[in-house]
Amino acid sequence: PARHGADYSNTREIGSVLYTDYVYP
């Protein structure tokens, strides 16, 4: 995803993907 200025958080994006799309793995 494209960066959205100062409010972009790489940690938040990883956590969102990890605990939604890849929660079972």
mmCIF file of all heavy atoms, coordinates in Angstrom:
data_MODEL
# 
_entry.id   MODEL 
# 
loop_
_atom_site.group_PDB 
_atom_site.id 
_atom_site.type_symbol 
_atom_site.label_atom_id 
_atom_site.label_alt_id 
_atom_site.label_comp_id 
_atom_site.label_asym_id 
_atom_site.label_entity_id 
_atom_site.label_seq_id 
_atom_site.pdbx_PDB_ins_code 
_atom_site.Cartn_x 
_atom_site.Cartn_y 
_atom_site.Cartn_z 
_atom_site.occupancy 
_atom_site.B_iso_or_equiv 
_atom_site.pdbx_formal_charge 
_atom_site.auth_seq_id 
_atom_site.auth_comp_id 
_atom_site.auth_asym_id 
_atom_site.auth_atom_id 
_atom_site.pdbx_PDB_model_num 
ATOM 1   N N   . PRO A 1 1  ? 0.831   -1.207  0.000  1.00 0.00 ? 1  PRO A N   1 
ATOM 2   C CA  . PRO A 1 1  ? 0.000   0.000   0.000  1.00 0.00 ? 1  PRO A CA  1 
ATOM 3   C C   . PRO A 1 1  ? 0.861   1.251   0.000  1.00 0.00 ? 1  PRO A C   1 
ATOM 4   O O   . PRO A 1 1  ? 1.957   1.292   0.548  1.00 0.00 ? 1  PRO A O   1 
ATOM 5   C CB  . PRO A 1 1  ? -0.790  -0.123  1.315  1.00 0.00 ? 1  PRO A CB  1 
ATOM 6   C CG  . PRO A 1 1  ? 0.040   -1.021  2.172  1.00 0.00 ? 1  PRO A CG  1 
ATOM 7   C CD  . PRO A 1 1  ? 0.733   -1.963  1.254  1.00 0.00 ? 1  PRO A CD  1 
ATOM 8   N N   . ALA A 1 2  ? 0.346   2.235   -0.663 1.00 0.00 ? 2  ALA A N   1 
ATOM 9   C CA  . ALA A 1 2  ? 1.081   3.498   -0.748 1.00 0.00 ? 2  ALA A CA  1 
ATOM 10  C C   . ALA A 1 2  ? 1.104   4.175   0.614  1.00 0.00 ? 2  ALA A C   1 
ATOM 11  O O   . ALA A 1 2  ? 0.185   4.045   1.424  1.00 0.00 ? 2  ALA A O   1 
ATOM 12  C CB  . ALA A 1 2  ? 0.421   4.411   -1.782 1.00 0.00 ? 2  ALA A CB  1 
ATOM 13  N N   . ARG A 1 3  ? 2.174   4.891   0.864  1.00 0.00 ? 3  ARG A N   1 
ATOM 14  C CA  . ARG A 1 3  ? 2.294   5.591   2.140  1.00 0.00 ? 3  ARG A CA  1 
ATOM 15  C C   . ARG A 1 3  ? 1.296   6.743   2.200  1.00 0.00 ? 3  ARG A C   1 
ATOM 16  O O   . ARG A 1 3  ? 1.070   7.435   1.203  1.00 0.00 ? 3  ARG A O   1 
ATOM 17  C CB  . ARG A 1 3  ? 3.732   6.109   2.316  1.00 0.00 ? 3  ARG A CB  1 
ATOM 18  C CG  . ARG A 1 3  ? 4.757   4.992   2.453  1.00 0.00 ? 3  ARG A CG  1 
ATOM 19  C CD  . ARG A 1 3  ? 6.140   5.568   2.694  1.00 0.00 ? 3  ARG A CD  1 
ATOM 20  N NE  . ARG A 1 3  ? 7.124   4.531   2.872  1.00 0.00 ? 3  ARG A NE  1 
ATOM 21  C CZ  . ARG A 1 3  ? 7.409   3.940   4.021  1.00 0.00 ? 3  ARG A CZ  1 
ATOM 22  N NH1 . ARG A 1 3  ? 6.764   4.294   5.101  1.00 0.00 ? 3  ARG A NH1 1 
ATOM 23  N NH2 . ARG A 1 3  ? 8.323   2.984   4.097  1.00 0.00 ? 3  ARG A NH2 1 
ATOM 24  N N   . HIS A 1 4  ? 0.740   6.915   3.381  1.00 0.00 ? 4  HIS A N   1 
ATOM 25  C CA  . HIS A 1 4  ? -0.276  7.947   3.576  1.00 0.00 ? 4  HIS A CA  1 
ATOM 26  C C   . HIS A 1 4  ? 0.248   9.021   4.516  1.00 0.00 ? 4  HIS A C   1 
ATOM 27  O O   . HIS A 1 4  ? -0.356  9.342   5.534  1.00 0.00 ? 4  HIS A O   1 
ATOM 28  C CB  . HIS A 1 4  ? -1.556  7.329   4.131  1.00 0.00 ? 4  HIS A CB  1 
ATOM 29  C CG  . HIS A 1 4  ? -2.151  6.275   3.249  1.00 0.00 ? 4  HIS A CG  1 
ATOM 30  N ND1 . HIS A 1 4  ? -2.817  6.559   2.087  1.00 0.00 ? 4  HIS A ND1 1 
ATOM 31  C CD2 . HIS A 1 4  ? -2.144  4.918   3.354  1.00 0.00 ? 4  HIS A CD2 1 
ATOM 32  C CE1 . HIS A 1 4  ? -3.223  5.434   1.514  1.00 0.00 ? 4  HIS A CE1 1 
ATOM 33  N NE2 . HIS A 1 4  ? -2.822  4.434   2.259  1.00 0.00 ? 4  HIS A NE2 1 
ATOM 34  N N   . GLY A 1 5  ? 1.378   9.542   4.187  1.00 0.00 ? 5  GLY A N   1 
ATOM 35  C CA  . GLY A 1 5  ? 1.907   10.654  4.949  1.00 0.00 ? 5  GLY A CA  1 
ATOM 36  C C   . GLY A 1 5  ? 2.468   10.225  6.290  1.00 0.00 ? 5  GLY A C   1 
ATOM 37  O O   . GLY A 1 5  ? 2.987   9.128   6.462  1.00 0.00 ? 5  GLY A O   1 
ATOM 38  N N   . ALA A 1 6  ? 2.335   11.117  7.276  1.00 0.00 ? 6  ALA A N   1 
ATOM 39  C CA  . ALA A 1 6  ? 2.940   10.876  8.580  1.00 0.00 ? 6  ALA A CA  1 
ATOM 40  C C   . ALA A 1 6  ? 2.186   9.841   9.401  1.00 0.00 ? 6  ALA A C   1 
ATOM 41  O O   . ALA A 1 6  ? 2.741   9.287   10.345 1.00 0.00 ? 6  ALA A O   1 
ATOM 42  C CB  . ALA A 1 6  ? 3.015   12.193  9.364  1.00 0.00 ? 6  ALA A CB  1 
ATOM 43  N N   . ASP A 1 7  ? 0.918   9.559   9.071  1.00 0.00 ? 7  ASP A N   1 
ATOM 44  C CA  . ASP A 1 7  ? 0.148   8.611   9.870  1.00 0.00 ? 7  ASP A CA  1 
ATOM 45  C C   . ASP A 1 7  ? 0.374   7.162   9.440  1.00 0.00 ? 7  ASP A C   1 
ATOM 46  O O   . ASP A 1 7  ? -0.240  6.255   10.011 1.00 0.00 ? 7  ASP A O   1 
ATOM 47  C CB  . ASP A 1 7  ? -1.347  8.940   9.776  1.00 0.00 ? 7  ASP A CB  1 
ATOM 48  C CG  . ASP A 1 7  ? -1.862  8.881   8.348  1.00 0.00 ? 7  ASP A CG  1 
ATOM 49  O OD1 . ASP A 1 7  ? -1.017  8.909   7.422  1.00 0.00 ? 7  ASP A OD1 1 
ATOM 50  O OD2 . ASP A 1 7  ? -3.091  8.828   8.161  1.00 0.00 ? 7  ASP A OD2 1 
ATOM 51  N N   . TYR A 1 8  ? 1.229   6.912   8.458  1.00 0.00 ? 8  TYR A N   1 
ATOM 52  C CA  . TYR A 1 8  ? 1.486   5.538   8.014  1.00 0.00 ? 8  TYR A CA  1 
ATOM 53  C C   . TYR A 1 8  ? 2.372   4.831   9.028  1.00 0.00 ? 8  TYR A C   1 
ATOM 54  O O   . TYR A 1 8  ? 3.367   5.379   9.505  1.00 0.00 ? 8  TYR A O   1 
ATOM 55  C CB  . TYR A 1 8  ? 2.163   5.535   6.642  1.00 0.00 ? 8  TYR A CB  1 
ATOM 56  C CG  . TYR A 1 8  ? 2.551   4.148   6.164  1.00 0.00 ? 8  TYR A CG  1 
ATOM 57  C CD1 . TYR A 1 8  ? 1.610   3.318   5.583  1.00 0.00 ? 8  TYR A CD1 1 
ATOM 58  C CD2 . TYR A 1 8  ? 3.855   3.676   6.307  1.00 0.00 ? 8  TYR A CD2 1 
ATOM 59  C CE1 . TYR A 1 8  ? 1.945   2.056   5.145  1.00 0.00 ? 8  TYR A CE1 1 
ATOM 60  C CE2 . TYR A 1 8  ? 4.200   2.412   5.880  1.00 0.00 ? 8  TYR A CE2 1 
ATOM 61  C CZ  . TYR A 1 8  ? 3.244   1.605   5.294  1.00 0.00 ? 8  TYR A CZ  1 
ATOM 62  O OH  . TYR A 1 8  ? 3.593   0.351   4.870  1.00 0.00 ? 8  TYR A OH  1 
ATOM 63  N N   . SER A 1 9  ? 2.020   3.602   9.352  1.00 0.00 ? 9  SER A N   1 
ATOM 64  C CA  . SER A 1 9  ? 2.781   2.800   10.303 1.00 0.00 ? 9  SER A CA  1 
ATOM 65  C C   . SER A 1 9  ? 3.022   1.428   9.706  1.00 0.00 ? 9  SER A C   1 
ATOM 66  O O   . SER A 1 9  ? 2.067   0.692   9.420  1.00 0.00 ? 9  SER A O   1 
ATOM 67  C CB  . SER A 1 9  ? 2.034   2.684   11.637 1.00 0.00 ? 9  SER A CB  1 
ATOM 68  O OG  . SER A 1 9  ? 2.731   1.821   12.509 1.00 0.00 ? 9  SER A OG  1 
ATOM 69  N N   . ASN A 1 10 ? 4.283   1.109   9.504  1.00 0.00 ? 10 ASN A N   1 
ATOM 70  C CA  . ASN A 1 10 ? 4.629   -0.205  8.977  1.00 0.00 ? 10 ASN A CA  1 
ATOM 71  C C   . ASN A 1 10 ? 4.250   -1.311  9.957  1.00 0.00 ? 10 ASN A C   1 
ATOM 72  O O   . ASN A 1 10 ? 3.795   -2.383  9.547  1.00 0.00 ? 10 ASN A O   1 
ATOM 73  C CB  . ASN A 1 10 ? 6.131   -0.245  8.671  1.00 0.00 ? 10 ASN A CB  1 
ATOM 74  C CG  . ASN A 1 10 ? 6.583   -1.582  8.139  1.00 0.00 ? 10 ASN A CG  1 
ATOM 75  O OD1 . ASN A 1 10 ? 7.221   -2.351  8.848  1.00 0.00 ? 10 ASN A OD1 1 
ATOM 76  N ND2 . ASN A 1 10 ? 6.250   -1.866  6.888  1.00 0.00 ? 10 ASN A ND2 1 
ATOM 77  N N   . THR A 1 11 ? 4.410   -1.061  11.240 1.00 0.00 ? 11 THR A N   1 
ATOM 78  C CA  . THR A 1 11 ? 4.049   -2.048  12.253 1.00 0.00 ? 11 THR A CA  1 
ATOM 79  C C   . THR A 1 11 ? 2.554   -2.318  12.257 1.00 0.00 ? 11 THR A C   1 
ATOM 80  O O   . THR A 1 11 ? 2.119   -3.472  12.373 1.00 0.00 ? 11 THR A O   1 
ATOM 81  C CB  . THR A 1 11 ? 4.500   -1.567  13.637 1.00 0.00 ? 11 THR A CB  1 
ATOM 82  O OG1 . THR A 1 11 ? 5.883   -1.220  13.594 1.00 0.00 ? 11 THR A OG1 1 
ATOM 83  C CG2 . THR A 1 11 ? 4.276   -2.634  14.684 1.00 0.00 ? 11 THR A CG2 1 
ATOM 84  N N   . ARG A 1 12 ? 1.747   -1.280  12.117 1.00 0.00 ? 12 ARG A N   1 
ATOM 85  C CA  . ARG A 1 12 ? 0.293   -1.465  12.096 1.00 0.00 ? 12 ARG A CA  1 
ATOM 86  C C   . ARG A 1 12 ? -0.143  -2.250  10.864 1.00 0.00 ? 12 ARG A C   1 
ATOM 87  O O   . ARG A 1 12 ? -1.034  -3.112  10.952 1.00 0.00 ? 12 ARG A O   1 
ATOM 88  C CB  . ARG A 1 12 ? -0.405  -0.113  12.132 1.00 0.00 ? 12 ARG A CB  1 
ATOM 89  C CG  . ARG A 1 12 ? -1.921  -0.226  12.198 1.00 0.00 ? 12 ARG A CG  1 
ATOM 90  C CD  . ARG A 1 12 ? -2.605  1.113   12.409 1.00 0.00 ? 12 ARG A CD  1 
ATOM 91  N NE  . ARG A 1 12 ? -2.380  2.010   11.301 1.00 0.00 ? 12 ARG A NE  1 
ATOM 92  C CZ  . ARG A 1 12 ? -1.673  3.135   11.390 1.00 0.00 ? 12 ARG A CZ  1 
ATOM 93  N NH1 . ARG A 1 12 ? -1.124  3.475   12.547 1.00 0.00 ? 12 ARG A NH1 1 
ATOM 94  N NH2 . ARG A 1 12 ? -1.519  3.922   10.346 1.00 0.00 ? 12 ARG A NH2 1 
ATOM 95  N N   . GLU A 1 13 ? 0.477   -1.993  9.733  1.00 0.00 ? 13 GLU A N   1 
ATOM 96  C CA  . GLU A 1 13 ? 0.122   -2.725  8.514  1.00 0.00 ? 13 GLU A CA  1 
ATOM 97  C C   . GLU A 1 13 ? 0.481   -4.210  8.649  1.00 0.00 ? 13 GLU A C   1 
ATOM 98  O O   . GLU A 1 13 ? -0.296  -5.086  8.253  1.00 0.00 ? 13 GLU A O   1 
ATOM 99  C CB  . GLU A 1 13 ? 0.848   -2.117  7.314  1.00 0.00 ? 13 GLU A CB  1 
ATOM 100 C CG  . GLU A 1 13 ? 0.419   -0.701  6.964  1.00 0.00 ? 13 GLU A CG  1 
ATOM 101 C CD  . GLU A 1 13 ? -1.002  -0.638  6.458  1.00 0.00 ? 13 GLU A CD  1 
ATOM 102 O OE1 . GLU A 1 13 ? -1.501  -1.669  5.952  1.00 0.00 ? 13 GLU A OE1 1 
ATOM 103 O OE2 . GLU A 1 13 ? -1.626  0.427   6.577  1.00 0.00 ? 13 GLU A OE2 1 
ATOM 104 N N   . ILE A 1 14 ? 1.641   -4.509  9.201  1.00 0.00 ? 14 ILE A N   1 
ATOM 105 C CA  . ILE A 1 14 ? 2.039   -5.906  9.380  1.00 0.00 ? 14 ILE A CA  1 
ATOM 106 C C   . ILE A 1 14 ? 1.105   -6.611  10.359 1.00 0.00 ? 14 ILE A C   1 
ATOM 107 O O   . ILE A 1 14 ? 0.680   -7.751  10.134 1.00 0.00 ? 14 ILE A O   1 
ATOM 108 C CB  . ILE A 1 14 ? 3.498   -5.989  9.859  1.00 0.00 ? 14 ILE A CB  1 
ATOM 109 C CG1 . ILE A 1 14 ? 4.444   -5.511  8.763  1.00 0.00 ? 14 ILE A CG1 1 
ATOM 110 C CG2 . ILE A 1 14 ? 3.863   -7.412  10.261 1.00 0.00 ? 14 ILE A CG2 1 
ATOM 111 C CD1 . ILE A 1 14 ? 5.883   -5.447  9.191  1.00 0.00 ? 14 ILE A CD1 1 
ATOM 112 N N   . GLY A 1 15 ? 0.781   -5.946  11.470 1.00 0.00 ? 15 GLY A N   1 
ATOM 113 C CA  . GLY A 1 15 ? -0.144  -6.539  12.429 1.00 0.00 ? 15 GLY A CA  1 
ATOM 114 C C   . GLY A 1 15 ? -1.528  -6.773  11.852 1.00 0.00 ? 15 GLY A C   1 
ATOM 115 O O   . GLY A 1 15 ? -2.165  -7.796  12.136 1.00 0.00 ? 15 GLY A O   1 
ATOM 116 N N   . SER A 1 16 ? -1.993  -5.836  11.012 1.00 0.00 ? 16 SER A N   1 
ATOM 117 C CA  . SER A 1 16 ? -3.310  -5.991  10.408 1.00 0.00 ? 16 SER A CA  1 
ATOM 118 C C   . SER A 1 16 ? -3.353  -7.189  9.470  1.00 0.00 ? 16 SER A C   1 
ATOM 119 O O   . SER A 1 16 ? -4.315  -7.967  9.473  1.00 0.00 ? 16 SER A O   1 
ATOM 120 C CB  . SER A 1 16 ? -3.668  -4.709  9.651  1.00 0.00 ? 16 SER A CB  1 
ATOM 121 O OG  . SER A 1 16 ? -4.896  -4.852  8.968  1.00 0.00 ? 16 SER A OG  1 
ATOM 122 N N   . VAL A 1 17 ? -2.313  -7.366  8.680  1.00 0.00 ? 17 VAL A N   1 
ATOM 123 C CA  . VAL A 1 17 ? -2.278  -8.514  7.757  1.00 0.00 ? 17 VAL A CA  1 
ATOM 124 C C   . VAL A 1 17 ? -2.046  -9.813  8.517  1.00 0.00 ? 17 VAL A C   1 
ATOM 125 O O   . VAL A 1 17 ? -2.642  -10.855 8.204  1.00 0.00 ? 17 VAL A O   1 
ATOM 126 C CB  . VAL A 1 17 ? -1.173  -8.295  6.694  1.00 0.00 ? 17 VAL A CB  1 
ATOM 127 C CG1 . VAL A 1 17 ? -1.017  -9.533  5.829  1.00 0.00 ? 17 VAL A CG1 1 
ATOM 128 C CG2 . VAL A 1 17 ? -1.502  -7.091  5.830  1.00 0.00 ? 17 VAL A CG2 1 
ATOM 129 N N   . LEU A 1 18 ? -1.188  -9.760  9.548  1.00 0.00 ? 18 LEU A N   1 
ATOM 130 C CA  . LEU A 1 18 ? -0.839  -10.978 10.272 1.00 0.00 ? 18 LEU A CA  1 
ATOM 131 C C   . LEU A 1 18 ? -2.017  -11.551 11.039 1.00 0.00 ? 18 LEU A C   1 
ATOM 132 O O   . LEU A 1 18 ? -2.207  -12.775 11.091 1.00 0.00 ? 18 LEU A O   1 
ATOM 133 C CB  . LEU A 1 18 ? 0.324   -10.683 11.234 1.00 0.00 ? 18 LEU A CB  1 
ATOM 134 C CG  . LEU A 1 18 ? 0.911   -11.864 12.001 1.00 0.00 ? 18 LEU A CG  1 
ATOM 135 C CD1 . LEU A 1 18 ? 1.529   -12.867 11.041 1.00 0.00 ? 18 LEU A CD1 1 
ATOM 136 C CD2 . LEU A 1 18 ? 1.952   -11.386 12.995 1.00 0.00 ? 18 LEU A CD2 1 
ATOM 137 N N   . TYR A 1 19 ? -2.848  -10.688 11.625 1.00 0.00 ? 19 TYR A N   1 
ATOM 138 C CA  . TYR A 1 19 ? -3.938  -11.163 12.466 1.00 0.00 ? 19 TYR A CA  1 
ATOM 139 C C   . TYR A 1 19 ? -5.287  -11.187 11.735 1.00 0.00 ? 19 TYR A C   1 
ATOM 140 O O   . TYR A 1 19 ? -6.324  -11.387 12.379 1.00 0.00 ? 19 TYR A O   1 
ATOM 141 C CB  . TYR A 1 19 ? -4.055  -10.304 13.713 1.00 0.00 ? 19 TYR A CB  1 
ATOM 142 C CG  . TYR A 1 19 ? -2.898  -10.492 14.664 1.00 0.00 ? 19 TYR A CG  1 
ATOM 143 C CD1 . TYR A 1 19 ? -1.896  -9.541  14.778 1.00 0.00 ? 19 TYR A CD1 1 
ATOM 144 C CD2 . TYR A 1 19 ? -2.798  -11.645 15.431 1.00 0.00 ? 19 TYR A CD2 1 
ATOM 145 C CE1 . TYR A 1 19 ? -0.829  -9.710  15.639 1.00 0.00 ? 19 TYR A CE1 1 
ATOM 146 C CE2 . TYR A 1 19 ? -1.734  -11.828 16.294 1.00 0.00 ? 19 TYR A CE2 1 
ATOM 147 C CZ  . TYR A 1 19 ? -0.754  -10.866 16.389 1.00 0.00 ? 19 TYR A CZ  1 
ATOM 148 O OH  . TYR A 1 19 ? 0.308   -11.055 17.246 1.00 0.00 ? 19 TYR A OH  1 
ATOM 149 N N   . THR A 1 20 ? -5.278  -10.985 10.437 1.00 0.00 ? 20 THR A N   1 
ATOM 150 C CA  . THR A 1 20 ? -6.519  -11.109 9.650  1.00 0.00 ? 20 THR A CA  1 
ATOM 151 C C   . THR A 1 20 ? -6.365  -12.164 8.560  1.00 0.00 ? 20 THR A C   1 
ATOM 152 O O   . THR A 1 20 ? -6.992  -13.212 8.600  1.00 0.00 ? 20 THR A O   1 
ATOM 153 C CB  . THR A 1 20 ? -6.895  -9.753  9.034  1.00 0.00 ? 20 THR A CB  1 
ATOM 154 O OG1 . THR A 1 20 ? -5.769  -9.240  8.290  1.00 0.00 ? 20 THR A OG1 1 
ATOM 155 C CG2 . THR A 1 20 ? -7.293  -8.752  10.098 1.00 0.00 ? 20 THR A CG2 1 
ATOM 156 N N   . ASP A 1 21 ? -5.494  -11.920 7.590  1.00 0.00 ? 21 ASP A N   1 
ATOM 157 C CA  . ASP A 1 21 ? -5.342  -12.850 6.465  1.00 0.00 ? 21 ASP A CA  1 
ATOM 158 C C   . ASP A 1 21 ? -4.544  -14.093 6.837  1.00 0.00 ? 21 ASP A C   1 
ATOM 159 O O   . ASP A 1 21 ? -4.811  -15.177 6.313  1.00 0.00 ? 21 ASP A O   1 
ATOM 160 C CB  . ASP A 1 21 ? -4.663  -12.135 5.284  1.00 0.00 ? 21 ASP A CB  1 
ATOM 161 C CG  . ASP A 1 21 ? -5.492  -10.966 4.772  1.00 0.00 ? 21 ASP A CG  1 
ATOM 162 O OD1 . ASP A 1 21 ? -6.722  -10.979 4.992  1.00 0.00 ? 21 ASP A OD1 1 
ATOM 163 O OD2 . ASP A 1 21 ? -4.917  -10.040 4.167  1.00 0.00 ? 21 ASP A OD2 1 
ATOM 164 N N   . TYR A 1 22 ? -3.561  -13.939 7.725  1.00 0.00 ? 22 TYR A N   1 
ATOM 165 C CA  . TYR A 1 22 ? -2.669  -15.054 8.065  1.00 0.00 ? 22 TYR A CA  1 
ATOM 166 C C   . TYR A 1 22 ? -2.788  -15.443 9.532  1.00 0.00 ? 22 TYR A C   1 
ATOM 167 O O   . TYR A 1 22 ? -1.813  -15.860 10.140 1.00 0.00 ? 22 TYR A O   1 
ATOM 168 C CB  . TYR A 1 22 ? -1.214  -14.677 7.754  1.00 0.00 ? 22 TYR A CB  1 
ATOM 169 C CG  . TYR A 1 22 ? -0.971  -14.358 6.302  1.00 0.00 ? 22 TYR A CG  1 
ATOM 170 C CD1 . TYR A 1 22 ? -0.943  -13.041 5.865  1.00 0.00 ? 22 TYR A CD1 1 
ATOM 171 C CD2 . TYR A 1 22 ? -0.779  -15.370 5.365  1.00 0.00 ? 22 TYR A CD2 1 
ATOM 172 C CE1 . TYR A 1 22 ? -0.726  -12.741 4.526  1.00 0.00 ? 22 TYR A CE1 1 
ATOM 173 C CE2 . TYR A 1 22 ? -0.551  -15.083 4.035  1.00 0.00 ? 22 TYR A CE2 1 
ATOM 174 C CZ  . TYR A 1 22 ? -0.531  -13.763 3.616  1.00 0.00 ? 22 TYR A CZ  1 
ATOM 175 O OH  . TYR A 1 22 ? -0.318  -13.476 2.305  1.00 0.00 ? 22 TYR A OH  1 
ATOM 176 N N   . VAL A 1 23 ? -3.982  -15.330 10.102 1.00 0.00 ? 23 VAL A N   1 
ATOM 177 C CA  . VAL A 1 23 ? -4.139  -15.637 11.522 1.00 0.00 ? 23 VAL A CA  1 
ATOM 178 C C   . VAL A 1 23 ? -4.005  -17.140 11.773 1.00 0.00 ? 23 VAL A C   1 
ATOM 179 O O   . VAL A 1 23 ? -3.379  -17.552 12.770 1.00 0.00 ? 23 VAL A O   1 
ATOM 180 C CB  . VAL A 1 23 ? -5.489  -15.099 12.041 1.00 0.00 ? 23 VAL A CB  1 
ATOM 181 C CG1 . VAL A 1 23 ? -6.664  -15.735 11.312 1.00 0.00 ? 23 VAL A CG1 1 
ATOM 182 C CG2 . VAL A 1 23 ? -5.607  -15.320 13.543 1.00 0.00 ? 23 VAL A CG2 1 
ATOM 183 N N   . TYR A 1 24 ? -4.519  -17.988 10.895 1.00 0.00 ? 24 TYR A N   1 
ATOM 184 C CA  . TYR A 1 24 ? -4.414  -19.435 11.103 1.00 0.00 ? 24 TYR A CA  1 
ATOM 185 C C   . TYR A 1 24 ? -2.986  -19.939 10.927 1.00 0.00 ? 24 TYR A C   1 
ATOM 186 O O   . TYR A 1 24 ? -2.513  -20.736 11.757 1.00 0.00 ? 24 TYR A O   1 
ATOM 187 C CB  . TYR A 1 24 ? -5.378  -20.166 10.178 1.00 0.00 ? 24 TYR A CB  1 
ATOM 188 C CG  . TYR A 1 24 ? -6.827  -19.942 10.539 1.00 0.00 ? 24 TYR A CG  1 
ATOM 189 C CD1 . TYR A 1 24 ? -7.692  -19.294 9.669  1.00 0.00 ? 24 TYR A CD1 1 
ATOM 190 C CD2 . TYR A 1 24 ? -7.345  -20.373 11.768 1.00 0.00 ? 24 TYR A CD2 1 
ATOM 191 C CE1 . TYR A 1 24 ? -9.024  -19.071 9.999  1.00 0.00 ? 24 TYR A CE1 1 
ATOM 192 C CE2 . TYR A 1 24 ? -8.666  -20.154 12.113 1.00 0.00 ? 24 TYR A CE2 1 
ATOM 193 C CZ  . TYR A 1 24 ? -9.500  -19.495 11.224 1.00 0.00 ? 24 TYR A CZ  1 
ATOM 194 O OH  . TYR A 1 24 ? -10.804 -19.277 11.565 1.00 0.00 ? 24 TYR A OH  1 
ATOM 195 N N   . PRO A 1 25 ? -2.254  -19.548 9.880  1.00 0.00 ? 25 PRO A N   1 
ATOM 196 C CA  . PRO A 1 25 ? -0.830  -19.942 9.840  1.00 0.00 ? 25 PRO A CA  1 
ATOM 197 C C   . PRO A 1 25 ? -0.030  -19.420 11.026 1.00 0.00 ? 25 PRO A C   1 
ATOM 198 O O   . PRO A 1 25 ? 0.886   -20.097 11.518 1.00 0.00 ? 25 PRO A O   1 
ATOM 199 C CB  . PRO A 1 25 ? -0.325  -19.337 8.518  1.00 0.00 ? 25 PRO A CB  1 
ATOM 200 C CG  . PRO A 1 25 ? -1.536  -19.226 7.669  1.00 0.00 ? 25 PRO A CG  1 
ATOM 201 C CD  . PRO A 1 25 ? -2.649  -18.902 8.619  1.00 0.00 ? 25 PRO A CD  1 
# 
